[in-house]
Amino acid sequence: MIIREAQLADIFEITNILIEEMYTEVGIGEPSRSKVLDYITFLFNEGALYVAQSNIVKKEGGLELAGMTGGHISEWWWSDQEFLSEDFTFVRKQFRKGRLALNLMKKLDTHAKKLNIPLVTGVFNDVEHERKNKLFSKLYQHFGYIYLGGDLKVIGRK
C-alpha cells in the first residue's frame, strides 16, 4: 500500500468515497456533492490531501483508493498562530485490517511537523469512538472532548 499526495485525477473518487461510504457510516449532516467536491478541490490546492493507493485494479483502469486524509491550515480564533486542522481520515471497510489508518494519520502529522505547526485532530462522530480514541492515543496527545447540543434530531441523533 502506497500513501501519496492526492492527484487531480483522484478528486472525484475521493469525493464519491467520502459521500457514499464515510457519510453512510457517520451520518452527520446531509452531504452536498458540489460542496464536498469544492472542499476536496480546496484541500488539493491549498491544504494537505493524501491517499492510500491499493494494488487492486479498478474496472475502468487505475488502482483503487483504500483510504484518505485531508486537512487545512487554520488559526486559533484568539491568536495568529497557525495549526493544521485535520478534516477527515477515512479507510474503506475492505482495507481496515492492519495499520493503514495509523499510517495515514502519521502522514498528516509529518506534514504539520514540516510546516512547524501543531496538528489539531480528533474523533468527531459517535461511531466506534472508543476504538478510534484508542487509535488516536497511539500517536497524539489527548486534549479535551467534543459534545453536541441543540436539536440533534436533524442529524439523526436523539
Foldseek 3Di string as FASTA:
>chain_A
DDKDFDDPVCLLVVLCCCQVPVCVQFQFDNDDSVVSSVVSVCQSVAWTKMWAWDPPADPVGDTDTFWMWTWHWDDDPVDPAIATETDDTDGGPVPPPDCPSVVRVVVVQVVRVVVVHYYDYADDGDRVRVVVVVSVVVPDDDDDDDDDDDPCVVRVDD
